[in-house]
Amino acid sequence: MRFTNHITFTEVMGVEKNAKLLIETVLERKLEKIERVWFPRSLSQAVYGNTVYFKIWFGGQMNPDGIVYLTCAASKEEKDQVTIARKLAIKATVDDGALETYFITLCDFDPFGAGYALYYEHMKDDVTNEPLEEMPHGFFLNVDYRFGDTASEPIIELLDFARLGRRSPSPKGELAKSVRWAVRGLKENSEVVAFADILRKIGPHPWKIGQADKVIEQFRAGKLGLSEAAAKIRVSETEFRMLMQKLDGPQGANVEDAPVPLGDN
């Protein structure tokens, strides 16, 4: 179970403690708190998606200072998708208005070919080639690094674990230790095990995942009740509640509050 696997990465980095350690290490700045941003997701995104989102606070003010996208990329194509997302984001808007935006991407390959462990990408205008000041900050962590002096020791320890797994040296820093234990613990995590069981019942084929997504959207829209939606994707009502919590965050567990389908009258 590699850390760079999409599901493993989002499970581990979806935990606020791990995310906070990574963000603080990359930004080299202490955070007062972070808060995960939950967007209703599809089952396809949960299976194949590679991003988790957090609001961040540097000080004691009420409104957040920014939003951070934590993502992983296993290929140049996925890295290019991150670049496109940054161009589209410019300034993130999540309830609180425009926020300073950061993308931190763990790459399973060298995204720029220079061998550095950590890159900061300056986005430029496609026409003038001038730096775009409003563009989200882009940090790329390179698992395939060649020069270990191009990032701090905590980042190097994390990259070594991402590359070597259990064969990596025992880390000294809190970041790599926390991630290492989290990855090991996934096999014993009841929620992860339950989600894997639900996926097995639905079926691993993308077509079946897509069909389940349609049922989930019908449920969200109030066109299907809990029992009917669960039956359509061959899971129990309890499992369906767990699935909705997985997709929609804590509020997804309150599926009893979902609107019931209207009758034929």
C-alpha atoms as a PDB file:
ATOM      1  CA  MET A   1       0.000   0.000   0.000  1.00  0.00           C
ATOM      2  CA  ARG A   2       2.148   2.860  -1.318  1.00  0.00           C
ATOM      3  CA  PHE A   3       1.742   6.406  -0.004  1.00  0.00           C
ATOM      4  CA  THR A   4       1.577   7.707  -3.596  1.00  0.00           C
ATOM      5  CA  ASN A   5      -1.461   5.559  -4.369  1.00  0.00           C
ATOM      6  CA  HIS A   6      -4.436   7.907  -4.832  1.00  0.00           C
ATOM      7  CA  ILE A   7      -6.671   6.294  -2.211  1.00  0.00           C
ATOM      8  CA  THR A   8      -3.816   5.923   0.294  1.00  0.00           C
ATOM      9  CA  PHE A   9      -2.731   9.540  -0.208  1.00  0.00           C
ATOM     10  CA  THR A  10      -6.204  11.012   0.206  1.00  0.00           C
ATOM     11  CA  GLU A  11      -6.958   8.813   3.229  1.00  0.00           C
ATOM     12  CA  VAL A  12      -3.725   9.758   4.993  1.00  0.00           C
ATOM     13  CA  MET A  13      -3.711  13.433   4.015  1.00  0.00           C
ATOM     14  CA  GLY A  14      -7.421  13.729   4.741  1.00  0.00           C
ATOM     15  CA  VAL A  15      -6.457  13.507   8.424  1.00  0.00           C
ATOM     16  CA  GLU A  16      -5.965  17.052   9.730  1.00  0.00           C
ATOM     17  CA  LYS A  17      -2.900  16.209  11.828  1.00  0.00           C
ATOM     18  CA  ASN A  18      -1.007  14.794   8.830  1.00  0.00           C
ATOM     19  CA  ALA A  19      -2.138  17.575   6.506  1.00  0.00           C
ATOM     20  CA  LYS A  20      -1.134  20.266   9.004  1.00  0.00           C
ATOM     21  CA  LEU A  21       2.348  18.785   9.385  1.00  0.00           C
ATOM     22  CA  LEU A  22       2.857  18.646   5.609  1.00  0.00           C
ATOM     23  CA  ILE A  23       1.540  22.159   4.993  1.00  0.00           C
ATOM     24  CA  GLU A  24       3.649  23.666   7.786  1.00  0.00           C
ATOM     25  CA  THR A  25       6.747  21.861   6.517  1.00  0.00           C
ATOM     26  CA  VAL A  26       6.326  22.981   2.907  1.00  0.00           C
ATOM     27  CA  LEU A  27       5.254  26.562   3.665  1.00  0.00           C
ATOM     28  CA  GLU A  28       7.812  26.806   6.503  1.00  0.00           C
ATOM     29  CA  ARG A  29       5.202  28.528   8.602  1.00  0.00           C
ATOM     30  CA  LYS A  30       3.211  27.478  11.658  1.00  0.00           C
ATOM     31  CA  LEU A  31      -0.552  27.176  11.362  1.00  0.00           C
ATOM     32  CA  GLU A  32      -2.952  27.929  14.176  1.00  0.00           C
ATOM     33  CA  LYS A  33      -5.497  25.510  12.734  1.00  0.00           C
ATOM     34  CA  ILE A  34      -6.745  23.876   9.572  1.00  0.00           C
ATOM     35  CA  GLU A  35     -10.195  22.680   8.584  1.00  0.00           C
ATOM     36  CA  ARG A  36     -11.060  20.219   5.858  1.00  0.00           C
ATOM     37  CA  VAL A  37     -13.341  21.536   3.135  1.00  0.00           C
ATOM     38  CA  TRP A  38     -15.932  18.959   2.173  1.00  0.00           C
ATOM     39  CA  PHE A  39     -17.422  19.089  -1.301  1.00  0.00           C
ATOM     40  CA  PRO A  40     -20.054  16.511  -2.309  1.00  0.00           C
ATOM     41  CA  ARG A  41     -18.114  14.024  -4.337  1.00  0.00           C
ATOM     42  CA  SER A  42     -18.888  11.171  -6.646  1.00  0.00           C
ATOM     43  CA  LEU A  43     -17.863   7.597  -5.947  1.00  0.00           C
ATOM     44  CA  SER A  44     -15.593   7.839  -9.000  1.00  0.00           C
ATOM     45  CA  GLN A  45     -13.750  10.750  -7.395  1.00  0.00           C
ATOM     46  CA  ALA A  46     -13.375   8.831  -4.138  1.00  0.00           C
ATOM     47  CA  VAL A  47     -11.880   5.863  -6.006  1.00  0.00           C
ATOM     48  CA  TYR A  48      -9.827   7.639  -8.655  1.00  0.00           C
ATOM     49  CA  GLY A  49      -9.490  11.163  -7.216  1.00  0.00           C
ATOM     50  CA  ASN A  50      -6.228  12.466  -5.808  1.00  0.00           C
ATOM     51  CA  THR A  51      -6.994  15.704  -3.940  1.00  0.00           C
ATOM     52  CA  VAL A  52      -8.053  16.872  -0.480  1.00  0.00           C
ATOM     53  CA  TYR A  53      -8.753  20.496   0.464  1.00  0.00           C
ATOM     54  CA  PHE A  54      -8.189  22.513   3.633  1.00  0.00           C
ATOM     55  CA  LYS A  55      -8.837  26.014   4.879  1.00  0.00           C
ATOM     56  CA  ILE A  56      -5.849  27.310   6.855  1.00  0.00           C
ATOM     57  CA  TRP A  57      -5.396  29.917   9.588  1.00  0.00           C
ATOM     58  CA  PHE A  58      -2.012  31.466  10.418  1.00  0.00           C
ATOM     59  CA  GLY A  59      -3.320  33.714  13.187  1.00  0.00           C
ATOM     60  CA  GLY A  60      -6.256  34.106  15.522  1.00  0.00           C
ATOM     61  CA  GLN A  61      -8.678  35.853  13.188  1.00  0.00           C
ATOM     62  CA  MET A  62     -12.119  34.464  12.437  1.00  0.00           C
ATOM     63  CA  ASN A  63     -11.765  34.160   8.652  1.00  0.00           C
ATOM     64  CA  PRO A  64      -9.218  31.756   7.135  1.00  0.00           C
ATOM     65  CA  ASP A  65      -6.022  33.023   5.523  1.00  0.00           C
ATOM     66  CA  GLY A  66      -6.055  30.608   2.633  1.00  0.00           C
ATOM     67  CA  ILE A  67      -6.949  27.265   1.140  1.00  0.00           C
ATOM     68  CA  VAL A  68      -4.564  24.413   0.380  1.00  0.00           C
ATOM     69  CA  TYR A  69      -5.049  21.672  -2.206  1.00  0.00           C
ATOM     70  CA  LEU A  70      -3.058  18.553  -1.326  1.00  0.00           C
ATOM     71  CA  THR A  71      -2.742  16.291  -4.321  1.00  0.00           C
ATOM     72  CA  CYS A  72      -0.609  13.515  -5.783  1.00  0.00           C
ATOM     73  CA  ALA A  73       0.439  12.875  -9.364  1.00  0.00           C
ATOM     74  CA  ALA A  74       1.676   9.602 -10.788  1.00  0.00           C
ATOM     75  CA  SER A  75       2.316  10.871 -14.326  1.00  0.00           C
ATOM     76  CA  LYS A  76       3.029  13.996 -16.352  1.00  0.00           C
ATOM     77  CA  GLU A  77      -0.615  14.013 -17.434  1.00  0.00           C
ATOM     78  CA  GLU A  78      -1.772  14.221 -13.821  1.00  0.00           C
ATOM     79  CA  LYS A  79       0.782  16.953 -13.104  1.00  0.00           C
ATOM     80  CA  ASP A  80      -0.560  18.891 -16.093  1.00  0.00           C
ATOM     81  CA  GLN A  81      -4.065  18.554 -14.633  1.00  0.00           C
ATOM     82  CA  VAL A  82      -2.778  20.247 -11.460  1.00  0.00           C
ATOM     83  CA  THR A  83      -1.366  23.087 -13.592  1.00  0.00           C
ATOM     84  CA  ILE A  84      -4.713  23.502 -15.343  1.00  0.00           C
ATOM     85  CA  ALA A  85      -6.499  23.528 -11.995  1.00  0.00           C
ATOM     86  CA  ARG A  86      -4.182  26.267 -10.764  1.00  0.00           C
ATOM     87  CA  LYS A  87      -4.897  28.371 -13.832  1.00  0.00           C
ATOM     88  CA  LEU A  88      -8.624  27.950 -13.319  1.00  0.00           C
ATOM     89  CA  ALA A  89      -8.469  28.620  -9.582  1.00  0.00           C
ATOM     90  CA  ILE A  90      -6.526  31.929  -9.552  1.00  0.00           C
ATOM     91  CA  LYS A  91      -8.159  32.770  -6.216  1.00  0.00           C
ATOM     92  CA  ALA A  92     -10.139  30.131  -4.395  1.00  0.00           C
ATOM     93  CA  THR A  93     -13.613  31.121  -3.287  1.00  0.00           C
ATOM     94  CA  VAL A  94     -15.039  28.994  -0.507  1.00  0.00           C
ATOM     95  CA  ASP A  95     -17.834  30.772   1.382  1.00  0.00           C
ATOM     96  CA  ASP A  96     -15.409  33.290   2.864  1.00  0.00           C
ATOM     97  CA  GLY A  97     -14.525  35.087  -0.376  1.00  0.00           C
ATOM     98  CA  ALA A  98     -11.156  35.197  -2.133  1.00  0.00           C
ATOM     99  CA  LEU A  99      -8.420  33.316  -0.289  1.00  0.00           C
ATOM    100  CA  GLU A 100      -4.695  32.910  -0.840  1.00  0.00           C
ATOM    101  CA  THR A 101      -4.385  29.551  -2.562  1.00  0.00           C
ATOM    102  CA  TYR A 102      -1.698  26.872  -2.422  1.00  0.00           C
ATOM    103  CA  PHE A 103      -1.257  23.618  -4.354  1.00  0.00           C
ATOM    104  CA  ILE A 104       1.081  21.046  -2.813  1.00  0.00           C
ATOM    105  CA  THR A 105       1.579  18.058  -5.118  1.00  0.00           C
ATOM    106  CA  LEU A 106       3.435  14.837  -4.345  1.00  0.00           C
ATOM    107  CA  CYS A 107       4.862  13.550  -7.646  1.00  0.00           C
ATOM    108  CA  ASP A 108       5.842   9.916  -8.197  1.00  0.00           C
ATOM    109  CA  PHE A 109       8.248  11.139 -10.917  1.00  0.00           C
ATOM    110  CA  ASP A 110      10.449  14.188 -11.498  1.00  0.00           C
ATOM    111  CA  PRO A 111       7.975  16.842 -12.756  1.00  0.00           C
ATOM    112  CA  PHE A 112      10.645  19.213 -14.094  1.00  0.00           C
ATOM    113  CA  GLY A 113      13.637  16.917 -14.658  1.00  0.00           C
ATOM    114  CA  ALA A 114      16.172  18.859 -12.604  1.00  0.00           C
ATOM    115  CA  GLY A 115      16.500  16.321  -9.802  1.00  0.00           C
ATOM    116  CA  TYR A 116      15.334  18.661  -7.050  1.00  0.00           C
ATOM    117  CA  ALA A 117      13.379  17.287  -4.122  1.00  0.00           C
ATOM    118  CA  LEU A 118      11.122  20.337  -3.910  1.00  0.00           C
ATOM    119  CA  TYR A 119      10.092  22.713  -6.680  1.00  0.00           C
ATOM    120  CA  TYR A 120       8.187  25.985  -6.580  1.00  0.00           C
ATOM    121  CA  GLU A 121       6.575  26.737  -9.935  1.00  0.00           C
ATOM    122  CA  HIS A 122       6.042  30.327 -11.023  1.00  0.00           C
ATOM    123  CA  MET A 123       3.091  30.501 -13.396  1.00  0.00           C
ATOM    124  CA  LYS A 124       3.566  32.822 -16.375  1.00  0.00           C
ATOM    125  CA  ASP A 125       1.240  34.464 -18.851  1.00  0.00           C
ATOM    126  CA  ASP A 126       0.959  32.353 -22.020  1.00  0.00           C
ATOM    127  CA  VAL A 127       1.388  35.469 -24.211  1.00  0.00           C
ATOM    128  CA  THR A 128       3.690  37.881 -22.356  1.00  0.00           C
ATOM    129  CA  ASN A 129       5.615  35.238 -20.362  1.00  0.00           C
ATOM    130  CA  GLU A 130       5.351  37.570 -17.366  1.00  0.00           C
ATOM    131  CA  PRO A 131       4.791  36.099 -13.865  1.00  0.00           C
ATOM    132  CA  LEU A 132       1.143  35.928 -12.855  1.00  0.00           C
ATOM    133  CA  GLU A 133       0.959  37.419  -9.380  1.00  0.00           C
ATOM    134  CA  GLU A 134      -2.586  36.227  -8.697  1.00  0.00           C
ATOM    135  CA  MET A 135      -1.816  32.636  -9.574  1.00  0.00           C
ATOM    136  CA  PRO A 136      -2.005  30.052  -6.750  1.00  0.00           C
ATOM    137  CA  HIS A 137       1.312  29.004  -5.258  1.00  0.00           C
ATOM    138  CA  GLY A 138       2.519  25.693  -6.677  1.00  0.00           C
ATOM    139  CA  PHE A 139       4.810  23.367  -4.707  1.00  0.00           C
ATOM    140  CA  PHE A 140       5.894  20.000  -6.136  1.00  0.00           C
ATOM    141  CA  LEU A 141       7.518  17.281  -4.028  1.00  0.00           C
ATOM    142  CA  ASN A 142       9.618  14.929  -6.145  1.00  0.00           C
ATOM    143  CA  VAL A 143       9.735  11.307  -4.971  1.00  0.00           C
ATOM    144  CA  ASP A 144      12.335  10.610  -7.691  1.00  0.00           C
ATOM    145  CA  TYR A 145      14.738  13.324  -6.488  1.00  0.00           C
ATOM    146  CA  ARG A 146      18.515  13.108  -7.076  1.00  0.00           C
ATOM    147  CA  PHE A 147      19.764  15.963  -4.897  1.00  0.00           C
ATOM    148  CA  GLY A 148      18.917  15.575  -1.228  1.00  0.00           C
ATOM    149  CA  ASP A 149      20.158  19.042  -0.299  1.00  0.00           C
ATOM    150  CA  THR A 150      17.320  20.744  -2.207  1.00  0.00           C
ATOM    151  CA  ALA A 151      14.711  20.348   0.540  1.00  0.00           C
ATOM    152  CA  SER A 152      14.524  20.195   4.323  1.00  0.00           C
ATOM    153  CA  GLU A 153      15.220  16.937   6.157  1.00  0.00           C
ATOM    154  CA  PRO A 154      11.523  16.345   7.043  1.00  0.00           C
ATOM    155  CA  ILE A 155      10.596  16.525   3.349  1.00  0.00           C
ATOM    156  CA  ILE A 156      13.441  14.205   2.349  1.00  0.00           C
ATOM    157  CA  GLU A 157      12.293  11.685   4.974  1.00  0.00           C
ATOM    158  CA  LEU A 158       8.757  11.841   3.583  1.00  0.00           C
ATOM    159  CA  LEU A 159       9.962  11.393  -0.004  1.00  0.00           C
ATOM    160  CA  ASP A 160      12.174   8.455   0.996  1.00  0.00           C
ATOM    161  CA  PHE A 161       9.183   6.766   2.614  1.00  0.00           C
ATOM    162  CA  ALA A 162       7.024   7.465  -0.448  1.00  0.00           C
ATOM    163  CA  ARG A 163       9.669   5.867  -2.650  1.00  0.00           C
ATOM    164  CA  LEU A 164      10.917   2.987  -0.490  1.00  0.00           C
ATOM    165  CA  GLY A 165       8.042   2.260   1.885  1.00  0.00           C
ATOM    166  CA  ARG A 166       9.079  -0.004   4.756  1.00  0.00           C
ATOM    167  CA  ARG A 167      12.608  -0.192   3.330  1.00  0.00           C
ATOM    168  CA  SER A 168      13.162   3.523   3.997  1.00  0.00           C
ATOM    169  CA  PRO A 169      15.354   4.582   6.956  1.00  0.00           C
ATOM    170  CA  SER A 170      13.527   5.145  10.235  1.00  0.00           C
ATOM    171  CA  PRO A 171      12.475   8.810  10.208  1.00  0.00           C
ATOM    172  CA  LYS A 172      13.432  11.296  12.906  1.00  0.00           C
ATOM    173  CA  GLY A 173      10.894  13.999  12.039  1.00  0.00           C
ATOM    174  CA  GLU A 174       7.274  14.047  13.109  1.00  0.00           C
ATOM    175  CA  LEU A 175       5.914  14.399   9.539  1.00  0.00           C
ATOM    176  CA  ALA A 176       7.352  11.161   8.127  1.00  0.00           C
ATOM    177  CA  LYS A 177       6.671   9.299  11.381  1.00  0.00           C
ATOM    178  CA  SER A 178       3.020  10.332  11.356  1.00  0.00           C
ATOM    179  CA  VAL A 179       2.525   9.468   7.684  1.00  0.00           C
ATOM    180  CA  ARG A 180       4.341   6.156   8.070  1.00  0.00           C
ATOM    181  CA  TRP A 181       2.111   5.077  10.955  1.00  0.00           C
ATOM    182  CA  ALA A 182      -1.001   6.282   9.138  1.00  0.00           C
ATOM    183  CA  VAL A 183      -0.197   4.245   6.017  1.00  0.00           C
ATOM    184  CA  ARG A 184       0.484   1.142   8.110  1.00  0.00           C
ATOM    185  CA  GLY A 185      -2.727   1.674  10.036  1.00  0.00           C
ATOM    186  CA  LEU A 186      -4.942   1.801   6.954  1.00  0.00           C
ATOM    187  CA  LYS A 187      -5.114  -1.993   6.810  1.00  0.00           C
ATOM    188  CA  GLU A 188      -6.608  -1.995  10.315  1.00  0.00           C
ATOM    189  CA  ASN A 189      -8.771   1.103   9.835  1.00  0.00           C
ATOM    190  CA  SER A 190     -12.382  -0.026  10.126  1.00  0.00           C
ATOM    191  CA  GLU A 191     -13.689   2.774   7.878  1.00  0.00           C
ATOM    192  CA  VAL A 192     -11.160   1.995   5.138  1.00  0.00           C
ATOM    193  CA  VAL A 193     -11.901  -1.728   5.395  1.00  0.00           C
ATOM    194  CA  ALA A 194     -15.651  -1.016   5.268  1.00  0.00           C
ATOM    195  CA  PHE A 195     -15.220   1.211   2.210  1.00  0.00           C
ATOM    196  CA  ALA A 196     -13.227  -1.535   0.486  1.00  0.00           C
ATOM    197  CA  ASP A 197     -16.029  -4.011   1.273  1.00  0.00           C
ATOM    198  CA  ILE A 198     -18.617  -1.615  -0.175  1.00  0.00           C
ATOM    199  CA  LEU A 199     -16.540  -1.261  -3.357  1.00  0.00           C
ATOM    200  CA  ARG A 200     -16.336  -5.044  -3.667  1.00  0.00           C
ATOM    201  CA  LYS A 201     -20.130  -5.295  -3.408  1.00  0.00           C
ATOM    202  CA  ILE A 202     -20.691  -2.554  -5.973  1.00  0.00           C
ATOM    203  CA  GLY A 203     -18.037  -3.954  -8.276  1.00  0.00           C
ATOM    204  CA  PRO A 204     -14.637  -2.556  -9.273  1.00  0.00           C
ATOM    205  CA  HIS A 205     -15.453  -1.938 -12.933  1.00  0.00           C
ATOM    206  CA  PRO A 206     -15.664   1.787 -13.857  1.00  0.00           C
ATOM    207  CA  TRP A 207     -19.075   1.197 -15.436  1.00  0.00           C
ATOM    208  CA  LYS A 208     -20.482  -0.135 -12.144  1.00  0.00           C
ATOM    209  CA  ILE A 209     -18.910   2.766 -10.235  1.00  0.00           C
ATOM    210  CA  GLY A 210     -20.605   5.117 -12.713  1.00  0.00           C
ATOM    211  CA  GLN A 211     -23.968   3.436 -12.211  1.00  0.00           C
ATOM    212  CA  ALA A 212     -23.593   3.772  -8.448  1.00  0.00           C
ATOM    213  CA  ASP A 213     -22.830   7.477  -8.906  1.00  0.00           C
ATOM    214  CA  LYS A 214     -26.156   7.919 -10.704  1.00  0.00           C
ATOM    215  CA  VAL A 215     -27.983   6.296  -7.785  1.00  0.00           C
ATOM    216  CA  ILE A 216     -26.141   8.541  -5.312  1.00  0.00           C
ATOM    217  CA  GLU A 217     -27.104  11.662  -7.272  1.00  0.00           C
ATOM    218  CA  GLN A 218     -30.731  10.515  -7.384  1.00  0.00           C
ATOM    219  CA  PHE A 219     -30.622  10.063  -3.620  1.00  0.00           C
ATOM    220  CA  ARG A 220     -29.099  13.507  -3.094  1.00  0.00           C
ATOM    221  CA  ALA A 221     -31.822  14.998  -5.271  1.00  0.00           C
ATOM    222  CA  GLY A 222     -34.523  13.314  -3.213  1.00  0.00           C
ATOM    223  CA  LYS A 223     -35.628  11.036  -6.042  1.00  0.00           C
ATOM    224  CA  LEU A 224     -34.699   7.884  -4.114  1.00  0.00           C
ATOM    225  CA  GLY A 225     -35.138   7.009  -0.470  1.00  0.00           C
ATOM    226  CA  LEU A 226     -32.447   5.428   1.681  1.00  0.00           C
ATOM    227  CA  SER A 227     -33.686   1.837   1.385  1.00  0.00           C
ATOM    228  CA  GLU A 228     -34.224   2.028  -2.363  1.00  0.00           C
ATOM    229  CA  ALA A 229     -30.841   3.659  -3.030  1.00  0.00           C
ATOM    230  CA  ALA A 230     -29.012   1.090  -0.900  1.00  0.00           C
ATOM    231  CA  ALA A 231     -30.800  -1.792  -2.628  1.00  0.00           C
ATOM    232  CA  LYS A 232     -29.962  -0.475  -6.093  1.00  0.00           C
ATOM    233  CA  ILE A 233     -26.211  -0.624  -5.415  1.00  0.00           C
ATOM    234  CA  ARG A 234     -26.456  -3.871  -3.401  1.00  0.00           C
ATOM    235  CA  VAL A 235     -25.376  -2.554  -0.008  1.00  0.00           C
ATOM    236  CA  SER A 236     -27.118  -2.347   3.357  1.00  0.00           C
ATOM    237  CA  GLU A 237     -28.648   0.876   4.646  1.00  0.00           C
ATOM    238  CA  THR A 238     -25.832   1.146   7.205  1.00  0.00           C
ATOM    239  CA  GLU A 239     -23.256   0.764   4.445  1.00  0.00           C
ATOM    240  CA  PHE A 240     -25.024   3.392   2.354  1.00  0.00           C
ATOM    241  CA  ARG A 241     -24.854   5.830   5.288  1.00  0.00           C
ATOM    242  CA  MET A 242     -21.135   5.126   5.599  1.00  0.00           C
ATOM    243  CA  LEU A 243     -20.712   5.683   1.876  1.00  0.00           C
ATOM    244  CA  MET A 244     -22.461   9.059   2.006  1.00  0.00           C
ATOM    245  CA  GLN A 245     -20.273  10.111   4.922  1.00  0.00           C
ATOM    246  CA  LYS A 246     -17.230   9.107   2.893  1.00  0.00           C
ATOM    247  CA  LEU A 247     -18.367  11.236  -0.044  1.00  0.00           C
ATOM    248  CA  ASP A 248     -19.924  14.259   1.669  1.00  0.00           C
ATOM    249  CA  GLY A 249     -18.038  14.461   4.947  1.00  0.00           C
ATOM    250  CA  PRO A 250     -19.654  14.504   8.401  1.00  0.00           C
ATOM    251  CA  GLN A 251     -22.926  15.898   7.069  1.00  0.00           C
ATOM    252  CA  GLY A 252     -23.170  12.904   4.740  1.00  0.00           C
ATOM    253  CA  ALA A 253     -23.868  10.665   7.715  1.00  0.00           C
ATOM    254  CA  ASN A 254     -27.207  12.373   8.298  1.00  0.00           C
ATOM    255  CA  VAL A 255     -28.854  10.628   5.397  1.00  0.00           C
ATOM    256  CA  GLU A 256     -32.134  10.358   7.273  1.00  0.00           C
ATOM    257  CA  ASP A 257     -32.464  14.106   6.741  1.00  0.00           C
ATOM    258  CA  ALA A 258     -32.346  13.703   2.979  1.00  0.00           C
ATOM    259  CA  PRO A 259     -35.587  14.586   1.210  1.00  0.00           C
ATOM    260  CA  VAL A 260     -37.828  11.617   0.566  1.00  0.00           C
ATOM    261  CA  PRO A 261     -38.959  10.950  -3.010  1.00  0.00           C
ATOM    262  CA  LEU A 262     -42.200  12.515  -4.135  1.00  0.00           C
ATOM    263  CA  GLY A 263     -45.061  10.172  -4.866  1.00  0.00           C
ATOM    264  CA  ASP A 264     -46.667   9.669  -8.247  1.00  0.00           C
ATOM    265  CA  ASN A 265     -49.548  11.945  -7.289  1.00  0.00           C
END
